[in-house]
Amino acid sequence: MSRECGFSINSITDYLPRFRAGTLTAKEMIEAIRQRIKEINEGINTQLDLRKKLEDHIEWFNNKARKSK
């Protein structure tokens, strides 16, 4: 499940033994999940910025093509 949620191998090697030993608290796991959500949101924002940049390039080329006609 951790890999499906995108947790790094390093995170899993830290959390899994503690989970199995019963020493990982719910609060710690909630914080780790919140951190993962933050990382996902940052990745989404980066991709949205890139998408906007690409759309701007398309518009620039469209304008250039219209002017050259």
N, C-alpha and C. Protein backbone atom coordinates (compact mmCIF):
# COMPACT_ATOMS: atom_id res chain seq x y z
N MET A 1 0.82 -1.19 0.00
CA MET A 1 0.00 0.00 0.00
C MET A 1 0.87 1.26 0.00
N SER A 2 1.95 1.24 0.75
CA SER A 2 2.82 2.42 0.83
C SER A 2 3.40 2.78 -0.53
N ARG A 3 3.83 1.77 -1.30
CA ARG A 3 4.38 2.04 -2.63
C ARG A 3 3.29 2.57 -3.55
N GLU A 4 2.07 2.01 -3.45
CA GLU A 4 0.95 2.49 -4.27
C GLU A 4 0.64 3.96 -3.98
N CYS A 5 0.90 4.39 -2.76
CA CYS A 5 0.65 5.78 -2.36
C CYS A 5 1.86 6.67 -2.64
N GLY A 6 2.93 6.08 -3.20
CA GLY A 6 4.07 6.87 -3.61
C GLY A 6 5.09 7.15 -2.53
N PHE A 7 5.03 6.44 -1.43
CA PHE A 7 6.05 6.63 -0.41
C PHE A 7 7.38 6.08 -0.91
N SER A 8 8.45 6.76 -0.55
CA SER A 8 9.79 6.34 -0.98
C SER A 8 10.19 5.06 -0.24
N ILE A 9 11.14 4.36 -0.84
CA ILE A 9 11.67 3.16 -0.19
C ILE A 9 12.26 3.51 1.17
N ASN A 10 12.94 4.65 1.26
CA ASN A 10 13.52 5.08 2.54
C ASN A 10 12.44 5.28 3.60
N SER A 11 11.34 5.89 3.23
CA SER A 11 10.24 6.07 4.19
C SER A 11 9.68 4.74 4.64
N ILE A 12 9.50 3.85 3.68
CA ILE A 12 8.93 2.55 4.02
C ILE A 12 9.86 1.78 4.94
N THR A 13 11.17 1.84 4.66
CA THR A 13 12.11 1.11 5.52
C THR A 13 12.17 1.71 6.92
N ASP A 14 11.74 2.95 7.07
CA ASP A 14 11.66 3.56 8.39
C ASP A 14 10.35 3.17 9.08
N TYR A 15 9.24 3.31 8.37
CA TYR A 15 7.93 3.12 8.99
C TYR A 15 7.52 1.67 9.17
N LEU A 16 7.82 0.81 8.21
CA LEU A 16 7.31 -0.56 8.26
C LEU A 16 7.77 -1.34 9.50
N PRO A 17 9.06 -1.33 9.82
CA PRO A 17 9.46 -2.05 11.04
C PRO A 17 8.79 -1.49 12.30
N ARG A 18 8.65 -0.18 12.34
CA ARG A 18 8.00 0.44 13.50
C ARG A 18 6.52 0.09 13.56
N PHE A 19 5.89 0.00 12.38
CA PHE A 19 4.48 -0.41 12.34
C PHE A 19 4.34 -1.84 12.86
N ARG A 20 5.20 -2.72 12.34
CA ARG A 20 5.15 -4.13 12.75
C ARG A 20 5.44 -4.31 14.23
N ALA A 21 6.32 -3.48 14.77
CA ALA A 21 6.68 -3.56 16.19
C ALA A 21 5.64 -2.89 17.09
N GLY A 22 4.71 -2.16 16.48
CA GLY A 22 3.68 -1.47 17.25
C GLY A 22 4.16 -0.17 17.88
N THR A 23 5.29 0.36 17.37
CA THR A 23 5.82 1.61 17.94
C THR A 23 5.53 2.84 17.08
N LEU A 24 4.94 2.63 15.93
CA LEU A 24 4.57 3.75 15.06
C LEU A 24 3.20 4.25 15.50
N THR A 25 3.14 5.51 15.91
CA THR A 25 1.86 6.04 16.37
C THR A 25 0.99 6.48 15.20
N ALA A 26 -0.29 6.53 15.45
CA ALA A 26 -1.22 7.01 14.43
C ALA A 26 -0.89 8.45 14.07
N LYS A 27 -0.51 9.25 15.06
CA LYS A 27 -0.16 10.65 14.82
C LYS A 27 1.02 10.76 13.85
N GLU A 28 2.04 9.91 14.03
CA GLU A 28 3.19 9.93 13.14
C GLU A 28 2.80 9.52 11.71
N MET A 29 1.94 8.52 11.61
CA MET A 29 1.53 8.07 10.29
C MET A 29 0.65 9.11 9.60
N ILE A 30 -0.21 9.75 10.36
CA ILE A 30 -1.03 10.83 9.79
C ILE A 30 -0.15 11.95 9.27
N GLU A 31 0.87 12.31 10.03
CA GLU A 31 1.79 13.37 9.59
C GLU A 31 2.54 12.94 8.32
N ALA A 32 2.96 11.69 8.26
CA ALA A 32 3.64 11.19 7.05
C ALA A 32 2.71 11.24 5.84
N ILE A 33 1.46 10.89 6.04
CA ILE A 33 0.48 10.93 4.95
C ILE A 33 0.23 12.37 4.53
N ARG A 34 0.12 13.26 5.48
CA ARG A 34 -0.06 14.68 5.16
C ARG A 34 1.13 15.22 4.36
N GLN A 35 2.33 14.82 4.74
CA GLN A 35 3.53 15.23 4.02
C GLN A 35 3.48 14.71 2.59
N ARG A 36 3.03 13.46 2.42
CA ARG A 36 2.94 12.88 1.07
C ARG A 36 1.92 13.65 0.23
N ILE A 37 0.80 14.04 0.83
CA ILE A 37 -0.20 14.85 0.13
C ILE A 37 0.41 16.18 -0.30
N LYS A 38 1.20 16.78 0.58
CA LYS A 38 1.87 18.05 0.24
C LYS A 38 2.80 17.85 -0.95
N GLU A 39 3.56 16.77 -0.96
CA GLU A 39 4.46 16.48 -2.08
C GLU A 39 3.67 16.29 -3.38
N ILE A 40 2.56 15.60 -3.30
CA ILE A 40 1.71 15.39 -4.48
C ILE A 40 1.19 16.73 -4.99
N ASN A 41 0.71 17.56 -4.07
CA ASN A 41 0.19 18.87 -4.48
C ASN A 41 1.26 19.72 -5.15
N GLU A 42 2.49 19.66 -4.62
CA GLU A 42 3.59 20.41 -5.23
C GLU A 42 3.86 19.89 -6.65
N GLY A 43 3.81 18.57 -6.81
CA GLY A 43 4.00 17.99 -8.14
C GLY A 43 2.90 18.39 -9.10
N ILE A 44 1.67 18.42 -8.62
CA ILE A 44 0.55 18.85 -9.45
C ILE A 44 0.75 20.29 -9.87
N ASN A 45 1.13 21.15 -8.94
CA ASN A 45 1.34 22.56 -9.26
C ASN A 45 2.45 22.74 -10.28
N THR A 46 3.51 21.97 -10.15
CA THR A 46 4.60 22.03 -11.12
C THR A 46 4.10 21.62 -12.50
N GLN A 47 3.32 20.58 -12.57
CA GLN A 47 2.79 20.12 -13.85
C GLN A 47 1.81 21.14 -14.44
N LEU A 48 0.99 21.75 -13.60
CA LEU A 48 0.07 22.78 -14.09
C LEU A 48 0.82 23.99 -14.64
N ASP A 49 1.90 24.38 -13.97
CA ASP A 49 2.73 25.48 -14.46
C ASP A 49 3.33 25.13 -15.83
N LEU A 50 3.82 23.91 -15.96
CA LEU A 50 4.39 23.47 -17.23
C LEU A 50 3.32 23.46 -18.32
N ARG A 51 2.13 22.96 -17.97
CA ARG A 51 1.03 22.94 -18.94
C ARG A 51 0.71 24.35 -19.43
N LYS A 52 0.66 25.31 -18.51
CA LYS A 52 0.37 26.70 -18.87
C LYS A 52 1.45 27.24 -19.79
N LYS A 53 2.70 26.94 -19.49
CA LYS A 53 3.80 27.40 -20.32
C LYS A 53 3.68 26.83 -21.74
N LEU A 54 3.34 25.55 -21.85
CA LEU A 54 3.18 24.93 -23.16
C LEU A 54 2.00 25.54 -23.92
N GLU A 55 0.91 25.79 -23.21
CA GLU A 55 -0.25 26.44 -23.85
C GLU A 55 0.12 27.84 -24.34
N ASP A 56 0.92 28.55 -23.56
CA ASP A 56 1.37 29.88 -23.97
C ASP A 56 2.23 29.79 -25.24
N HIS A 57 3.06 28.76 -25.33
CA HIS A 57 3.88 28.56 -26.53
C HIS A 57 3.00 28.29 -27.75
N ILE A 58 1.97 27.48 -27.57
CA ILE A 58 1.05 27.21 -28.67
C ILE A 58 0.42 28.51 -29.13
N GLU A 59 -0.04 29.32 -28.19
CA GLU A 59 -0.66 30.60 -28.54
C GLU A 59 0.33 31.51 -29.27
N TRP A 60 1.57 31.54 -28.81
CA TRP A 60 2.59 32.36 -29.46
C TRP A 60 2.80 31.91 -30.90
N PHE A 61 2.91 30.59 -31.11
CA PHE A 61 3.10 30.09 -32.47
C PHE A 61 1.86 30.33 -33.33
N ASN A 62 0.68 30.21 -32.75
CA ASN A 62 -0.54 30.51 -33.51
C ASN A 62 -0.57 31.96 -33.94
N ASN A 63 -0.21 32.87 -33.05
CA ASN A 63 -0.17 34.30 -33.39
C ASN A 63 0.86 34.57 -34.49
N LYS A 64 2.01 33.94 -34.38
CA LYS A 64 3.06 34.11 -35.38
C LYS A 64 2.59 33.60 -36.75
N ALA A 65 1.90 32.46 -36.75
CA ALA A 65 1.40 31.89 -37.99
C ALA A 65 0.34 32.80 -38.62
N ARG A 66 -0.54 33.38 -37.80
CA ARG A 66 -1.57 34.29 -38.31
C ARG A 66 -0.95 35.52 -38.94
N LYS A 67 0.09 36.04 -38.30
CA LYS A 67 0.74 37.26 -38.80
C LYS A 67 1.50 37.01 -40.10
N SER A 68 1.96 35.80 -40.31
CA SER A 68 2.74 35.52 -41.52
C SER A 68 1.86 35.22 -42.72
N LYS A 69 0.57 35.14 -42.52
CA LYS A 69 -0.33 34.88 -43.68
C LYS A 69 -0.59 36.10 -44.50
